[in-house]
Amino acid sequence: VLFYGQFLEDWQFSFGFVIPNSTNTWKQTIEAADEEEMIPAELLSGNTVIETTLFDSDSPIASQRVR
């Protein structure tokens, strides 16, 4: 997570072995911090980028950035 272009937070998730050419699903629930610990929405809006990168072992295979 980038805020004003600066690193803010990092979430790491690991998958186990995935059978090639199979269809799989995955669900992750991330709980929000208490309200007094959150950055106000008016500061986050338009100033936050979520970057997602998928790896095969240590090799990145896909990446996307969403504002």
PDB file of N, CA and C in Angstrom:
ATOM      1  N   VAL A   1       0.851  -1.165   0.000  1.00  0.00           N
ATOM      2  CA  VAL A   1       0.000   0.000   0.000  1.00  0.00           C
ATOM      3  C   VAL A   1       0.903   1.235   0.000  1.00  0.00           C
ATOM      4  N   LEU A   2       0.675   2.123  -0.961  1.00  0.00           N
ATOM      5  CA  LEU A   2       1.425   3.371  -1.058  1.00  0.00           C
ATOM      6  C   LEU A   2       0.487   4.530  -0.744  1.00  0.00           C
ATOM      7  N   PHE A   3       0.977   5.481   0.038  1.00  0.00           N
ATOM      8  CA  PHE A   3       0.218   6.670   0.417  1.00  0.00           C
ATOM      9  C   PHE A   3       1.081   7.868   0.050  1.00  0.00           C
ATOM     10  N   TYR A   4       0.579   8.704  -0.859  1.00  0.00           N
ATOM     11  CA  TYR A   4       1.363   9.826  -1.400  1.00  0.00           C
ATOM     12  C   TYR A   4       2.701   9.325  -1.968  1.00  0.00           C
ATOM     13  N   GLY A   5       2.677   8.126  -2.604  1.00  0.00           N
ATOM     14  CA  GLY A   5       3.864   7.567  -3.225  1.00  0.00           C
ATOM     15  C   GLY A   5       4.873   6.943  -2.276  1.00  0.00           C
ATOM     16  N   GLN A   6       4.582   6.955  -0.985  1.00  0.00           N
ATOM     17  CA  GLN A   6       5.492   6.389   0.018  1.00  0.00           C
ATOM     18  C   GLN A   6       4.912   5.089   0.572  1.00  0.00           C
ATOM     19  N   PHE A   7       5.791   4.110   0.810  1.00  0.00           N
ATOM     20  CA  PHE A   7       5.371   2.836   1.382  1.00  0.00           C
ATOM     21  C   PHE A   7       4.657   3.064   2.707  1.00  0.00           C
ATOM     22  N   LEU A   8       3.472   2.477   2.857  1.00  0.00           N
ATOM     23  CA  LEU A   8       2.701   2.618   4.087  1.00  0.00           C
ATOM     24  C   LEU A   8       2.535   1.278   4.796  1.00  0.00           C
ATOM     25  N   GLU A   9       2.200   0.244   4.025  1.00  0.00           N
ATOM     26  CA  GLU A   9       1.870  -1.038   4.642  1.00  0.00           C
ATOM     27  C   GLU A   9       2.106  -2.165   3.639  1.00  0.00           C
ATOM     28  N   ASP A  10       2.420  -3.352   4.136  1.00  0.00           N
ATOM     29  CA  ASP A  10       2.704  -4.506   3.295  1.00  0.00           C
ATOM     30  C   ASP A  10       1.987  -5.714   3.873  1.00  0.00           C
ATOM     31  N   TRP A  11       1.285  -6.433   3.024  1.00  0.00           N
ATOM     32  CA  TRP A  11       0.620  -7.671   3.437  1.00  0.00           C
ATOM     33  C   TRP A  11       1.189  -8.804   2.609  1.00  0.00           C
ATOM     34  N   GLN A  12       1.665  -9.858   3.251  1.00  0.00           N
ATOM     35  CA  GLN A  12       2.237 -11.016   2.561  1.00  0.00           C
ATOM     36  C   GLN A  12       1.331 -12.226   2.779  1.00  0.00           C
ATOM     37  N   PHE A  13       1.000 -12.903   1.698  1.00  0.00           N
ATOM     38  CA  PHE A  13       0.171 -14.104   1.758  1.00  0.00           C
ATOM     39  C   PHE A  13       0.885 -15.215   1.012  1.00  0.00           C
ATOM     40  N   SER A  14       0.782 -16.446   1.497  1.00  0.00           N
ATOM     41  CA  SER A  14       1.400 -17.583   0.830  1.00  0.00           C
ATOM     42  C   SER A  14       0.341 -18.603   0.452  1.00  0.00           C
ATOM     43  N   PHE A  15       0.466 -19.119  -0.753  1.00  0.00           N
ATOM     44  CA  PHE A  15      -0.349 -20.234  -1.212  1.00  0.00           C
ATOM     45  C   PHE A  15       0.489 -21.493  -1.071  1.00  0.00           C
ATOM     46  N   GLY A  16      -0.171 -22.611  -0.889  1.00  0.00           N
ATOM     47  CA  GLY A  16       0.525 -23.885  -0.944  1.00  0.00           C
ATOM     48  C   GLY A  16       0.672 -24.296  -2.401  1.00  0.00           C
ATOM     49  N   PHE A  17       0.946 -25.557  -2.628  1.00  0.00           N
ATOM     50  CA  PHE A  17       1.084 -26.085  -3.982  1.00  0.00           C
ATOM     51  C   PHE A  17      -0.244 -25.946  -4.720  1.00  0.00           C
ATOM     52  N   VAL A  18      -0.186 -25.521  -5.968  1.00  0.00           N
ATOM     53  CA  VAL A  18      -1.373 -25.411  -6.818  1.00  0.00           C
ATOM     54  C   VAL A  18      -1.166 -26.338  -8.005  1.00  0.00           C
ATOM     55  N   ILE A  19      -2.123 -27.228  -8.238  1.00  0.00           N
ATOM     56  CA  ILE A  19      -2.033 -28.165  -9.358  1.00  0.00           C
ATOM     57  C   ILE A  19      -2.106 -27.383 -10.665  1.00  0.00           C
ATOM     58  N   PRO A  20      -1.151 -27.576 -11.576  1.00  0.00           N
ATOM     59  CA  PRO A  20      -1.171 -26.858 -12.852  1.00  0.00           C
ATOM     60  C   PRO A  20      -2.480 -27.076 -13.610  1.00  0.00           C
ATOM     61  N   ASN A  21      -2.961 -26.027 -14.281  1.00  0.00           N
ATOM     62  CA  ASN A  21      -4.184 -26.050 -15.091  1.00  0.00           C
ATOM     63  C   ASN A  21      -5.438 -26.360 -14.282  1.00  0.00           C
ATOM     64  N   SER A  22      -5.410 -26.124 -12.973  1.00  0.00           N
ATOM     65  CA  SER A  22      -6.591 -26.345 -12.143  1.00  0.00           C
ATOM     66  C   SER A  22      -7.263 -25.007 -11.858  1.00  0.00           C
ATOM     67  N   THR A  23      -8.487 -25.062 -11.403  1.00  0.00           N
ATOM     68  CA  THR A  23      -9.218 -23.864 -10.996  1.00  0.00           C
ATOM     69  C   THR A  23      -9.277 -23.865  -9.478  1.00  0.00           C
ATOM     70  N   ASN A  24      -8.860 -22.754  -8.877  1.00  0.00           N
ATOM     71  CA  ASN A  24      -8.787 -22.671  -7.423  1.00  0.00           C
ATOM     72  C   ASN A  24      -9.411 -21.370  -6.941  1.00  0.00           C
ATOM     73  N   THR A  25      -9.861 -21.351  -5.710  1.00  0.00           N
ATOM     74  CA  THR A  25     -10.364 -20.126  -5.105  1.00  0.00           C
ATOM     75  C   THR A  25      -9.597 -19.881  -3.813  1.00  0.00           C
ATOM     76  N   TRP A  26      -9.635 -18.622  -3.377  1.00  0.00           N
ATOM     77  CA  TRP A  26      -8.935 -18.249  -2.160  1.00  0.00           C
ATOM     78  C   TRP A  26      -9.672 -17.068  -1.565  1.00  0.00           C
ATOM     79  N   LYS A  27      -9.841 -17.057  -0.275  1.00  0.00           N
ATOM     80  CA  LYS A  27     -10.523 -15.966   0.403  1.00  0.00           C
ATOM     81  C   LYS A  27      -9.663 -15.530   1.572  1.00  0.00           C
ATOM     82  N   GLN A  28      -9.492 -14.214   1.713  1.00  0.00           N
ATOM     83  CA  GLN A  28      -8.714 -13.660   2.823  1.00  0.00           C
ATOM     84  C   GLN A  28      -9.530 -12.530   3.436  1.00  0.00           C
ATOM     85  N   THR A  29      -9.680 -12.524   4.723  1.00  0.00           N
ATOM     86  CA  THR A  29     -10.393 -11.459   5.421  1.00  0.00           C
ATOM     87  C   THR A  29      -9.379 -10.617   6.189  1.00  0.00           C
ATOM     88  N   ILE A  30      -9.394  -9.317   5.932  1.00  0.00           N
ATOM     89  CA  ILE A  30      -8.502  -8.391   6.617  1.00  0.00           C
ATOM     90  C   ILE A  30      -9.364  -7.491   7.486  1.00  0.00           C
ATOM     91  N   GLU A  31      -9.117  -7.501   8.766  1.00  0.00           N
ATOM     92  CA  GLU A  31      -9.921  -6.699   9.682  1.00  0.00           C
ATOM     93  C   GLU A  31      -9.342  -5.296   9.814  1.00  0.00           C
ATOM     94  N   ALA A  32     -10.225  -4.332   9.852  1.00  0.00           N
ATOM     95  CA  ALA A  32      -9.810  -2.930   9.961  1.00  0.00           C
ATOM     96  C   ALA A  32      -9.331  -2.623  11.384  1.00  0.00           C
ATOM     97  N   ALA A  33      -8.485  -1.619  11.468  1.00  0.00           N
ATOM     98  CA  ALA A  33      -8.028  -1.123  12.769  1.00  0.00           C
ATOM     99  C   ALA A  33      -9.192  -0.391  13.453  1.00  0.00           C
ATOM    100  N   ASP A  34      -9.023  -0.077  14.716  1.00  0.00           N
ATOM    101  CA  ASP A  34     -10.025   0.740  15.408  1.00  0.00           C
ATOM    102  C   ASP A  34     -10.097   2.101  14.733  1.00  0.00           C
ATOM    103  N   GLU A  35     -11.253   2.732  14.755  1.00  0.00           N
ATOM    104  CA  GLU A  35     -11.474   3.987  14.034  1.00  0.00           C
ATOM    105  C   GLU A  35     -10.468   5.078  14.392  1.00  0.00           C
ATOM    106  N   GLU A  36     -10.083   5.163  15.651  1.00  0.00           N
ATOM    107  CA  GLU A  36      -9.143   6.213  16.063  1.00  0.00           C
ATOM    108  C   GLU A  36      -7.730   5.967  15.527  1.00  0.00           C
ATOM    109  N   GLU A  37      -7.449   4.757  15.037  1.00  0.00           N
ATOM    110  CA  GLU A  37      -6.142   4.427  14.470  1.00  0.00           C
ATOM    111  C   GLU A  37      -6.105   4.576  12.948  1.00  0.00           C
ATOM    112  N   MET A  38      -7.253   4.842  12.340  1.00  0.00           N
ATOM    113  CA  MET A  38      -7.343   4.916  10.879  1.00  0.00           C
ATOM    114  C   MET A  38      -6.989   6.308  10.353  1.00  0.00           C
ATOM    115  N   ILE A  39      -6.457   6.328   9.115  1.00  0.00           N
ATOM    116  CA  ILE A  39      -6.231   7.595   8.408  1.00  0.00           C
ATOM    117  C   ILE A  39      -7.585   8.050   7.870  1.00  0.00           C
ATOM    118  N   PRO A  40      -7.950   9.305   8.036  1.00  0.00           N
ATOM    119  CA  PRO A  40      -9.254   9.771   7.566  1.00  0.00           C
ATOM    120  C   PRO A  40      -9.446   9.541   6.060  1.00  0.00           C
ATOM    121  N   ALA A  41     -10.660   9.161   5.671  1.00  0.00           N
ATOM    122  CA  ALA A  41     -10.976   8.854   4.275  1.00  0.00           C
ATOM    123  C   ALA A  41     -10.650  10.008   3.342  1.00  0.00           C
ATOM    124  N   GLU A  42     -10.850  11.246   3.773  1.00  0.00           N
ATOM    125  CA  GLU A  42     -10.580  12.389   2.886  1.00  0.00           C
ATOM    126  C   GLU A  42      -9.090  12.520   2.556  1.00  0.00           C
ATOM    127  N   LEU A  43      -8.211  11.995   3.399  1.00  0.00           N
ATOM    128  CA  LEU A  43      -6.774  11.985   3.086  1.00  0.00           C
ATOM    129  C   LEU A  43      -6.416  10.821   2.161  1.00  0.00           C
ATOM    130  N   LEU A  44      -7.072   9.682   2.363  1.00  0.00           N
ATOM    131  CA  LEU A  44      -6.785   8.500   1.560  1.00  0.00           C
ATOM    132  C   LEU A  44      -7.291   8.621   0.126  1.00  0.00           C
ATOM    133  N   SER A  45      -8.435   9.261  -0.046  1.00  0.00           N
ATOM    134  CA  SER A  45      -9.097   9.334  -1.344  1.00  0.00           C
ATOM    135  C   SER A  45      -8.201   9.979  -2.406  1.00  0.00           C
ATOM    136  N   GLY A  46      -7.871   9.199  -3.447  1.00  0.00           N
ATOM    137  CA  GLY A  46      -7.035   9.685  -4.535  1.00  0.00           C
ATOM    138  C   GLY A  46      -5.549   9.706  -4.239  1.00  0.00           C
ATOM    139  N   ASN A  47      -5.157   9.409  -3.016  1.00  0.00           N
ATOM    140  CA  ASN A  47      -3.753   9.472  -2.614  1.00  0.00           C
ATOM    141  C   ASN A  47      -3.176   8.106  -2.259  1.00  0.00           C
ATOM    142  N   THR A  48      -3.972   7.055  -2.447  1.00  0.00           N
ATOM    143  CA  THR A  48      -3.574   5.709  -2.055  1.00  0.00           C
ATOM    144  C   THR A  48      -3.499   4.808  -3.278  1.00  0.00           C
ATOM    145  N   VAL A  49      -2.446   4.006  -3.379  1.00  0.00           N
ATOM    146  CA  VAL A  49      -2.290   3.027  -4.456  1.00  0.00           C
ATOM    147  C   VAL A  49      -2.092   1.658  -3.813  1.00  0.00           C
ATOM    148  N   ILE A  50      -2.873   0.683  -4.274  1.00  0.00           N
ATOM    149  CA  ILE A  50      -2.706  -0.703  -3.848  1.00  0.00           C
ATOM    150  C   ILE A  50      -1.966  -1.416  -4.976  1.00  0.00           C
ATOM    151  N   GLU A  51      -0.802  -1.957  -4.676  1.00  0.00           N
ATOM    152  CA  GLU A  51      -0.036  -2.707  -5.674  1.00  0.00           C
ATOM    153  C   GLU A  51      -0.051  -4.176  -5.291  1.00  0.00           C
ATOM    154  N   THR A  52      -0.460  -5.016  -6.255  1.00  0.00           N
ATOM    155  CA  THR A  52      -0.519  -6.454  -6.043  1.00  0.00           C
ATOM    156  C   THR A  52       0.473  -7.120  -6.983  1.00  0.00           C
ATOM    157  N   THR A  53       1.335  -7.976  -6.455  1.00  0.00           N
ATOM    158  CA  THR A  53       2.304  -8.706  -7.264  1.00  0.00           C
ATOM    159  C   THR A  53       2.196 -10.188  -6.925  1.00  0.00           C
ATOM    160  N   LEU A  54       2.104 -11.011  -7.955  1.00  0.00           N
ATOM    161  CA  LEU A  54       2.060 -12.462  -7.789  1.00  0.00           C
ATOM    162  C   LEU A  54       3.410 -13.031  -8.189  1.00  0.00           C
ATOM    163  N   PHE A  55       3.884 -13.998  -7.421  1.00  0.00           N
ATOM    164  CA  PHE A  55       5.198 -14.599  -7.636  1.00  0.00           C
ATOM    165  C   PHE A  55       5.071 -16.094  -7.875  1.00  0.00           C
ATOM    166  N   ASP A  56       5.975 -16.634  -8.670  1.00  0.00           N
ATOM    167  CA  ASP A  56       6.203 -18.074  -8.778  1.00  0.00           C
ATOM    168  C   ASP A  56       7.565 -18.282  -8.140  1.00  0.00           C
ATOM    169  N   SER A  57       7.570 -18.797  -6.919  1.00  0.00           N
ATOM    170  CA  SER A  57       8.759 -18.842  -6.069  1.00  0.00           C
ATOM    171  C   SER A  57       9.245 -17.409  -5.872  1.00  0.00           C
ATOM    172  N   ASP A  58      10.450 -17.063  -6.342  1.00  0.00           N
ATOM    173  CA  ASP A  58      10.949 -15.702  -6.174  1.00  0.00           C
ATOM    174  C   ASP A  58      10.764 -14.840  -7.425  1.00  0.00           C
ATOM    175  N   SER A  59      10.161 -15.406  -8.471  1.00  0.00           N
ATOM    176  CA  SER A  59      10.016 -14.683  -9.740  1.00  0.00           C
ATOM    177  C   SER A  59       8.647 -14.021  -9.849  1.00  0.00           C
ATOM    178  N   PRO A  60       8.594 -12.699 -10.004  1.00  0.00           N
ATOM    179  CA  PRO A  60       7.298 -12.049 -10.188  1.00  0.00           C
ATOM    180  C   PRO A  60       6.704 -12.440 -11.544  1.00  0.00           C
ATOM    181  N   ILE A  61       5.408 -12.801 -11.547  1.00  0.00           N
ATOM    182  CA  ILE A  61       4.759 -13.216 -12.801  1.00  0.00           C
ATOM    183  C   ILE A  61       3.641 -12.269 -13.211  1.00  0.00           C
ATOM    184  N   ALA A  62       3.133 -11.454 -12.292  1.00  0.00           N
ATOM    185  CA  ALA A  62       2.084 -10.485 -12.620  1.00  0.00           C
ATOM    186  C   ALA A  62       2.068  -9.397 -11.556  1.00  0.00           C
ATOM    187  N   SER A  63       1.732  -8.189 -11.971  1.00  0.00           N
ATOM    188  CA  SER A  63       1.667  -7.067 -11.048  1.00  0.00           C
ATOM    189  C   SER A  63       0.596  -6.089 -11.532  1.00  0.00           C
ATOM    190  N   GLN A  64      -0.110  -5.479 -10.596  1.00  0.00           N
ATOM    191  CA  GLN A  64      -1.072  -4.446 -10.955  1.00  0.00           C
ATOM    192  C   GLN A  64      -1.114  -3.374  -9.869  1.00  0.00           C
ATOM    193  N   ARG A  65      -1.433  -2.161 -10.282  1.00  0.00           N
ATOM    194  CA  ARG A  65      -1.557  -1.044  -9.350  1.00  0.00           C
ATOM    195  C   ARG A  65      -2.948  -0.437  -9.523  1.00  0.00           C
ATOM    196  N   VAL A  66      -3.620  -0.207  -8.415  1.00  0.00           N
ATOM    197  CA  VAL A  66      -4.964   0.372  -8.433  1.00  0.00           C
ATOM    198  C   VAL A  66      -4.978   1.583  -7.528  1.00  0.00           C
ATOM    199  N   ARG A  67      -5.469   2.712  -8.041  1.00  0.00           N
ATOM    200  CA  ARG A  67      -5.596   3.924  -7.234  1.00  0.00           C
ATOM    201  C   ARG A  67      -7.005   3.972  -6.693  1.00  0.00           C
TER     202      ARG A  67
END
